[in-house]
Amino acid sequence: MLAALCDLPQATFASKVEIADGKARVTREVDGGLETVSISLPAIITTDLRLNEPRYVTLPNIMKAKKKQLEIFKPADLGVEIKNHLKTLKVMEPPKRSAGIKVPDVATLVAKLKNEAKVI
């Protein structure tokens, strides 16, 4: 959604990113293996867990972070306007499902699938 709002190209689930000559080559995992796409910059790239090694916080650094001053900004301070970009047209519940039926044995099940549902 961010890429659409900013009118930028998008690459998702990146496991490897190479940037050169104003373009980004993004390798991503798909069901059949790896896929490499090339997109122009600036772009929105979302990453996969395998892109970087996570850093783990140590206790001394947690204690240092507690003492740091936290600056609070309002969106107007950063020149950002908060407004709705999406419009909800309609909200409705899905249709109710009809109750299923129980069959006494496999032969009846096969007969119903053949004659009534016509899937066999």
N, C-alpha and C. Protein backbone atom coordinates (compact mmCIF):
# COMPACT_ATOMS: atom_id res chain seq x y z
N MET A 1 0.82 -1.17 0.00
CA MET A 1 0.00 0.00 0.00
C MET A 1 0.88 1.26 0.00
N LEU A 2 1.99 1.22 0.72
CA LEU A 2 2.88 2.38 0.77
C LEU A 2 3.44 2.68 -0.62
N ALA A 3 3.85 1.63 -1.35
CA ALA A 3 4.39 1.84 -2.69
C ALA A 3 3.34 2.46 -3.62
N ALA A 4 2.10 2.03 -3.49
CA ALA A 4 1.03 2.58 -4.33
C ALA A 4 0.77 4.04 -3.99
N LEU A 5 0.77 4.36 -2.69
CA LEU A 5 0.52 5.74 -2.28
C LEU A 5 1.64 6.67 -2.72
N CYS A 6 2.87 6.17 -2.70
CA CYS A 6 4.03 6.99 -3.08
C CYS A 6 4.35 6.88 -4.57
N ASP A 7 3.64 6.03 -5.29
CA ASP A 7 3.86 5.80 -6.72
C ASP A 7 5.31 5.38 -6.98
N LEU A 8 5.77 4.37 -6.22
CA LEU A 8 7.13 3.85 -6.35
C LEU A 8 7.08 2.37 -6.67
N PRO A 9 8.14 1.84 -7.32
CA PRO A 9 8.20 0.39 -7.53
C PRO A 9 8.39 -0.34 -6.21
N GLN A 10 7.99 -1.61 -6.18
CA GLN A 10 8.05 -2.38 -4.94
C GLN A 10 8.61 -3.77 -5.19
N ALA A 11 9.44 -4.25 -4.27
CA ALA A 11 9.93 -5.63 -4.28
C ALA A 11 9.74 -6.16 -2.87
N THR A 12 9.16 -7.35 -2.75
CA THR A 12 8.83 -7.88 -1.43
C THR A 12 9.63 -9.13 -1.11
N PHE A 13 9.75 -9.43 0.19
CA PHE A 13 10.41 -10.63 0.71
C PHE A 13 11.84 -10.79 0.19
N ALA A 14 12.61 -9.72 0.20
CA ALA A 14 13.98 -9.75 -0.31
C ALA A 14 14.89 -10.56 0.61
N SER A 15 15.63 -11.50 0.02
CA SER A 15 16.63 -12.23 0.80
C SER A 15 18.03 -11.76 0.44
N LYS A 16 18.16 -10.99 -0.67
CA LYS A 16 19.45 -10.41 -1.07
C LYS A 16 19.16 -9.16 -1.89
N VAL A 17 19.88 -8.07 -1.61
CA VAL A 17 19.68 -6.80 -2.32
C VAL A 17 21.03 -6.29 -2.79
N GLU A 18 21.12 -5.98 -4.10
CA GLU A 18 22.33 -5.38 -4.67
C GLU A 18 21.92 -4.08 -5.34
N ILE A 19 22.63 -2.99 -5.03
CA ILE A 19 22.29 -1.68 -5.60
C ILE A 19 23.44 -1.21 -6.46
N ALA A 20 23.13 -0.84 -7.73
CA ALA A 20 24.15 -0.33 -8.66
C ALA A 20 23.46 0.43 -9.78
N ASP A 21 24.05 1.55 -10.19
CA ASP A 21 23.59 2.34 -11.34
C ASP A 21 22.12 2.76 -11.24
N GLY A 22 21.68 3.14 -10.05
CA GLY A 22 20.30 3.61 -9.89
C GLY A 22 19.27 2.52 -9.95
N LYS A 23 19.69 1.28 -9.89
CA LYS A 23 18.76 0.15 -9.92
C LYS A 23 19.08 -0.77 -8.75
N ALA A 24 18.09 -1.51 -8.33
CA ALA A 24 18.27 -2.51 -7.27
C ALA A 24 17.92 -3.88 -7.83
N ARG A 25 18.82 -4.84 -7.63
CA ARG A 25 18.54 -6.23 -7.99
C ARG A 25 18.16 -6.94 -6.70
N VAL A 26 16.92 -7.40 -6.66
CA VAL A 26 16.38 -8.02 -5.45
C VAL A 26 16.14 -9.49 -5.72
N THR A 27 16.77 -10.34 -4.90
CA THR A 27 16.55 -11.78 -4.99
C THR A 27 15.58 -12.14 -3.89
N ARG A 28 14.53 -12.89 -4.28
CA ARG A 28 13.50 -13.27 -3.32
C ARG A 28 13.17 -14.74 -3.46
N GLU A 29 12.75 -15.34 -2.37
CA GLU A 29 12.36 -16.74 -2.37
C GLU A 29 10.91 -16.87 -2.78
N VAL A 30 10.66 -17.75 -3.74
CA VAL A 30 9.29 -18.08 -4.15
C VAL A 30 9.13 -19.59 -4.01
N ASP A 31 7.94 -20.10 -4.28
CA ASP A 31 7.67 -21.52 -4.09
C ASP A 31 8.60 -22.41 -4.92
N GLY A 32 8.94 -21.98 -6.13
CA GLY A 32 9.76 -22.79 -7.01
C GLY A 32 11.25 -22.59 -6.88
N GLY A 33 11.71 -21.74 -5.98
CA GLY A 33 13.15 -21.48 -5.84
C GLY A 33 13.41 -20.02 -5.57
N LEU A 34 14.36 -19.43 -6.31
CA LEU A 34 14.70 -18.02 -6.15
C LEU A 34 14.30 -17.24 -7.38
N GLU A 35 13.85 -16.02 -7.18
CA GLU A 35 13.48 -15.13 -8.27
C GLU A 35 14.26 -13.85 -8.09
N THR A 36 14.84 -13.32 -9.17
CA THR A 36 15.57 -12.06 -9.11
C THR A 36 14.83 -11.04 -9.95
N VAL A 37 14.52 -9.89 -9.33
CA VAL A 37 13.85 -8.81 -10.04
C VAL A 37 14.73 -7.57 -9.98
N SER A 38 14.61 -6.73 -10.99
CA SER A 38 15.37 -5.49 -11.06
C SER A 38 14.37 -4.35 -11.04
N ILE A 39 14.56 -3.40 -10.11
CA ILE A 39 13.65 -2.26 -10.01
C ILE A 39 14.48 -0.98 -9.97
N SER A 40 13.87 0.10 -10.44
CA SER A 40 14.56 1.39 -10.42
C SER A 40 14.40 2.02 -9.04
N LEU A 41 15.38 2.83 -8.67
CA LEU A 41 15.35 3.51 -7.38
C LEU A 41 14.84 4.93 -7.55
N PRO A 42 14.20 5.54 -6.60
CA PRO A 42 13.84 5.04 -5.28
C PRO A 42 12.74 3.99 -5.37
N ALA A 43 12.69 3.10 -4.39
CA ALA A 43 11.74 2.00 -4.37
C ALA A 43 11.44 1.58 -2.94
N ILE A 44 10.39 0.81 -2.78
CA ILE A 44 10.03 0.22 -1.49
C ILE A 44 10.46 -1.24 -1.55
N ILE A 45 11.31 -1.67 -0.60
CA ILE A 45 11.78 -3.06 -0.56
C ILE A 45 11.47 -3.61 0.83
N THR A 46 10.71 -4.70 0.88
CA THR A 46 10.48 -5.37 2.16
C THR A 46 11.39 -6.58 2.21
N THR A 47 11.82 -6.96 3.41
CA THR A 47 12.84 -7.98 3.53
C THR A 47 12.31 -9.26 4.17
N ASP A 48 13.09 -10.30 3.97
CA ASP A 48 12.83 -11.61 4.55
C ASP A 48 13.72 -11.75 5.78
N LEU A 49 13.45 -12.73 6.60
CA LEU A 49 14.27 -12.94 7.80
C LEU A 49 15.72 -13.27 7.47
N ARG A 50 15.98 -13.84 6.31
CA ARG A 50 17.32 -14.29 5.96
C ARG A 50 18.23 -13.18 5.46
N LEU A 51 17.74 -11.96 5.34
CA LEU A 51 18.56 -10.88 4.78
C LEU A 51 19.69 -10.49 5.73
N ASN A 52 19.42 -10.35 6.98
CA ASN A 52 20.44 -9.91 7.95
C ASN A 52 20.45 -10.80 9.18
N GLU A 53 21.56 -10.76 9.87
CA GLU A 53 21.71 -11.46 11.14
C GLU A 53 21.17 -10.54 12.23
N PRO A 54 20.22 -11.00 13.05
CA PRO A 54 19.69 -10.11 14.09
C PRO A 54 20.73 -9.82 15.17
N ARG A 55 20.65 -8.64 15.73
CA ARG A 55 21.53 -8.27 16.85
C ARG A 55 20.73 -8.44 18.13
N TYR A 56 21.37 -8.98 19.15
CA TYR A 56 20.71 -9.19 20.42
C TYR A 56 21.21 -8.15 21.41
N VAL A 57 20.30 -7.58 22.16
CA VAL A 57 20.61 -6.50 23.08
C VAL A 57 21.19 -7.10 24.36
N THR A 58 22.25 -6.47 24.86
CA THR A 58 22.84 -6.90 26.12
C THR A 58 22.25 -6.10 27.27
N LEU A 59 22.35 -6.62 28.46
CA LEU A 59 21.79 -5.95 29.63
C LEU A 59 22.39 -4.56 29.87
N PRO A 60 23.70 -4.37 29.74
CA PRO A 60 24.23 -3.00 29.92
C PRO A 60 23.65 -2.00 28.92
N ASN A 61 23.45 -2.43 27.70
CA ASN A 61 22.86 -1.52 26.70
C ASN A 61 21.40 -1.22 27.01
N ILE A 62 20.67 -2.17 27.57
CA ILE A 62 19.29 -1.91 27.98
C ILE A 62 19.26 -0.84 29.06
N MET A 63 20.17 -0.94 30.01
CA MET A 63 20.23 0.04 31.10
C MET A 63 20.61 1.43 30.57
N LYS A 64 21.52 1.49 29.60
CA LYS A 64 21.89 2.78 29.00
C LYS A 64 20.70 3.39 28.26
N ALA A 65 19.93 2.55 27.57
CA ALA A 65 18.79 3.03 26.80
C ALA A 65 17.71 3.60 27.71
N LYS A 66 17.56 3.06 28.91
CA LYS A 66 16.56 3.57 29.85
C LYS A 66 16.88 5.00 30.28
N LYS A 67 18.15 5.36 30.31
CA LYS A 67 18.57 6.69 30.76
C LYS A 67 18.52 7.74 29.64
N LYS A 68 18.42 7.31 28.39
CA LYS A 68 18.42 8.25 27.26
C LYS A 68 17.14 9.09 27.26
N GLN A 69 17.29 10.35 26.84
CA GLN A 69 16.16 11.25 26.69
C GLN A 69 15.38 10.86 25.44
N LEU A 70 14.07 10.77 25.55
CA LEU A 70 13.21 10.39 24.43
C LEU A 70 12.54 11.64 23.88
N GLU A 71 12.82 11.96 22.62
CA GLU A 71 12.20 13.13 21.99
C GLU A 71 10.87 12.72 21.38
N ILE A 72 9.85 13.53 21.61
CA ILE A 72 8.53 13.24 21.08
C ILE A 72 8.19 14.32 20.06
N PHE A 73 7.82 13.88 18.86
CA PHE A 73 7.46 14.79 17.78
C PHE A 73 5.99 14.61 17.43
N LYS A 74 5.38 15.68 16.97
CA LYS A 74 4.03 15.61 16.42
C LYS A 74 4.19 15.55 14.91
N PRO A 75 3.23 14.95 14.20
CA PRO A 75 3.36 14.86 12.74
C PRO A 75 3.55 16.22 12.07
N ALA A 76 2.89 17.26 12.57
CA ALA A 76 3.04 18.60 11.98
C ALA A 76 4.47 19.12 12.12
N ASP A 77 5.18 18.72 13.19
CA ASP A 77 6.57 19.14 13.37
C ASP A 77 7.47 18.60 12.27
N LEU A 78 7.09 17.45 11.70
CA LEU A 78 7.89 16.81 10.66
C LEU A 78 7.36 17.10 9.26
N GLY A 79 6.34 17.93 9.16
CA GLY A 79 5.78 18.27 7.86
C GLY A 79 4.93 17.16 7.26
N VAL A 80 4.33 16.35 8.12
CA VAL A 80 3.50 15.23 7.66
C VAL A 80 2.04 15.56 7.94
N GLU A 81 1.21 15.37 6.94
CA GLU A 81 -0.22 15.61 7.10
C GLU A 81 -0.93 14.27 7.29
N ILE A 82 -1.68 14.15 8.36
CA ILE A 82 -2.40 12.92 8.64
C ILE A 82 -3.79 13.02 7.99
N LYS A 83 -4.06 12.12 7.05
CA LYS A 83 -5.39 12.09 6.42
C LYS A 83 -5.65 10.68 5.94
N ASN A 84 -6.90 10.37 5.73
CA ASN A 84 -7.28 9.06 5.23
C ASN A 84 -7.01 8.99 3.73
N HIS A 85 -6.32 7.93 3.31
CA HIS A 85 -6.05 7.73 1.90
C HIS A 85 -6.96 6.66 1.31
N LEU A 86 -7.66 5.94 2.18
CA LEU A 86 -8.54 4.88 1.73
C LEU A 86 -9.98 5.26 2.06
N LYS A 87 -10.88 4.81 1.22
CA LYS A 87 -12.30 5.09 1.43
C LYS A 87 -13.02 3.76 1.52
N THR A 88 -13.73 3.51 2.60
CA THR A 88 -14.49 2.28 2.78
C THR A 88 -15.82 2.44 2.06
N LEU A 89 -16.06 1.58 1.09
CA LEU A 89 -17.29 1.67 0.32
C LEU A 89 -18.43 0.94 1.00
N LYS A 90 -18.16 -0.28 1.48
CA LYS A 90 -19.23 -1.06 2.08
C LYS A 90 -18.62 -2.14 2.96
N VAL A 91 -19.27 -2.42 4.08
CA VAL A 91 -18.86 -3.51 4.96
C VAL A 91 -20.07 -4.40 5.16
N MET A 92 -19.89 -5.70 4.92
CA MET A 92 -21.00 -6.63 5.10
C MET A 92 -20.47 -7.98 5.56
N GLU A 93 -21.32 -8.72 6.26
CA GLU A 93 -20.94 -10.05 6.73
C GLU A 93 -21.00 -11.03 5.56
N PRO A 94 -20.16 -12.06 5.60
CA PRO A 94 -20.26 -13.08 4.55
C PRO A 94 -21.58 -13.84 4.70
N PRO A 95 -22.06 -14.44 3.61
CA PRO A 95 -23.33 -15.17 3.70
C PRO A 95 -23.20 -16.37 4.63
N LYS A 96 -24.29 -16.69 5.31
CA LYS A 96 -24.31 -17.83 6.23
C LYS A 96 -24.16 -19.12 5.45
N ARG A 97 -23.36 -20.03 6.00
CA ARG A 97 -23.20 -21.34 5.36
C ARG A 97 -24.32 -22.26 5.81
N SER A 98 -24.76 -23.09 4.90
CA SER A 98 -25.79 -24.05 5.27
C SER A 98 -25.14 -25.20 6.05
N ALA A 99 -25.94 -25.82 6.88
CA ALA A 99 -25.43 -26.91 7.70
C ALA A 99 -25.08 -28.11 6.84
N GLY A 100 -24.05 -28.83 7.23
CA GLY A 100 -23.66 -30.04 6.51
C GLY A 100 -24.56 -31.20 6.90
N ILE A 101 -24.34 -32.32 6.23
CA ILE A 101 -25.13 -33.52 6.56
C ILE A 101 -24.17 -34.63 6.95
N LYS A 102 -24.67 -35.53 7.79
CA LYS A 102 -23.89 -36.69 8.20
C LYS A 102 -24.40 -37.89 7.41
N VAL A 103 -23.48 -38.71 6.98
CA VAL A 103 -23.85 -39.94 6.26
C VAL A 103 -23.44 -41.14 7.11
N PRO A 104 -24.22 -42.21 7.04
CA PRO A 104 -23.93 -43.36 7.90
C PRO A 104 -22.71 -44.18 7.50
N ASP A 105 -22.39 -44.20 6.18
CA ASP A 105 -21.27 -45.02 5.74
C ASP A 105 -20.65 -44.46 4.46
N VAL A 106 -19.56 -45.06 4.03
CA VAL A 106 -18.81 -44.60 2.87
C VAL A 106 -19.62 -44.77 1.59
N ALA A 107 -20.38 -45.83 1.48
CA ALA A 107 -21.17 -46.07 0.26
C ALA A 107 -22.18 -44.95 0.05
N THR A 108 -22.81 -44.49 1.11
CA THR A 108 -23.76 -43.38 0.99
C THR A 108 -23.04 -42.09 0.59
N LEU A 109 -21.87 -41.88 1.16
CA LEU A 109 -21.08 -40.69 0.81
C LEU A 109 -20.73 -40.69 -0.67
N VAL A 110 -20.25 -41.82 -1.18
CA VAL A 110 -19.88 -41.91 -2.60
C VAL A 110 -21.11 -41.71 -3.47
N ALA A 111 -22.25 -42.27 -3.07
CA ALA A 111 -23.48 -42.11 -3.85
C ALA A 111 -23.91 -40.65 -3.91
N LYS A 112 -23.82 -39.94 -2.78
CA LYS A 112 -24.20 -38.52 -2.76
C LYS A 112 -23.23 -37.68 -3.60
N LEU A 113 -21.93 -37.99 -3.53
CA LEU A 113 -20.96 -37.26 -4.33
C LEU A 113 -21.18 -37.48 -5.82
N LYS A 114 -21.60 -38.69 -6.17
CA LYS A 114 -21.85 -39.00 -7.58
C LYS A 114 -23.14 -38.38 -8.08
N ASN A 115 -24.22 -38.59 -7.37
CA ASN A 115 -25.54 -38.22 -7.86
C ASN A 115 -25.95 -36.77 -7.56
N GLU A 116 -25.67 -36.31 -6.34
CA GLU A 116 -26.14 -34.97 -5.97
C GLU A 116 -25.10 -33.89 -6.29
N ALA A 117 -23.87 -34.10 -5.86
CA ALA A 117 -22.84 -33.08 -6.08
C ALA A 117 -22.22 -33.18 -7.45
N LYS A 118 -22.26 -34.35 -8.06
CA LYS A 118 -21.70 -34.61 -9.39
C LYS A 118 -20.22 -34.23 -9.48
N VAL A 119 -19.45 -34.63 -8.44
CA VAL A 119 -18.02 -34.37 -8.45
C VAL A 119 -17.21 -35.63 -8.74
N ILE A 120 -17.86 -36.77 -8.74
CA ILE A 120 -17.16 -38.03 -9.07
C ILE A 120 -17.75 -38.57 -10.35
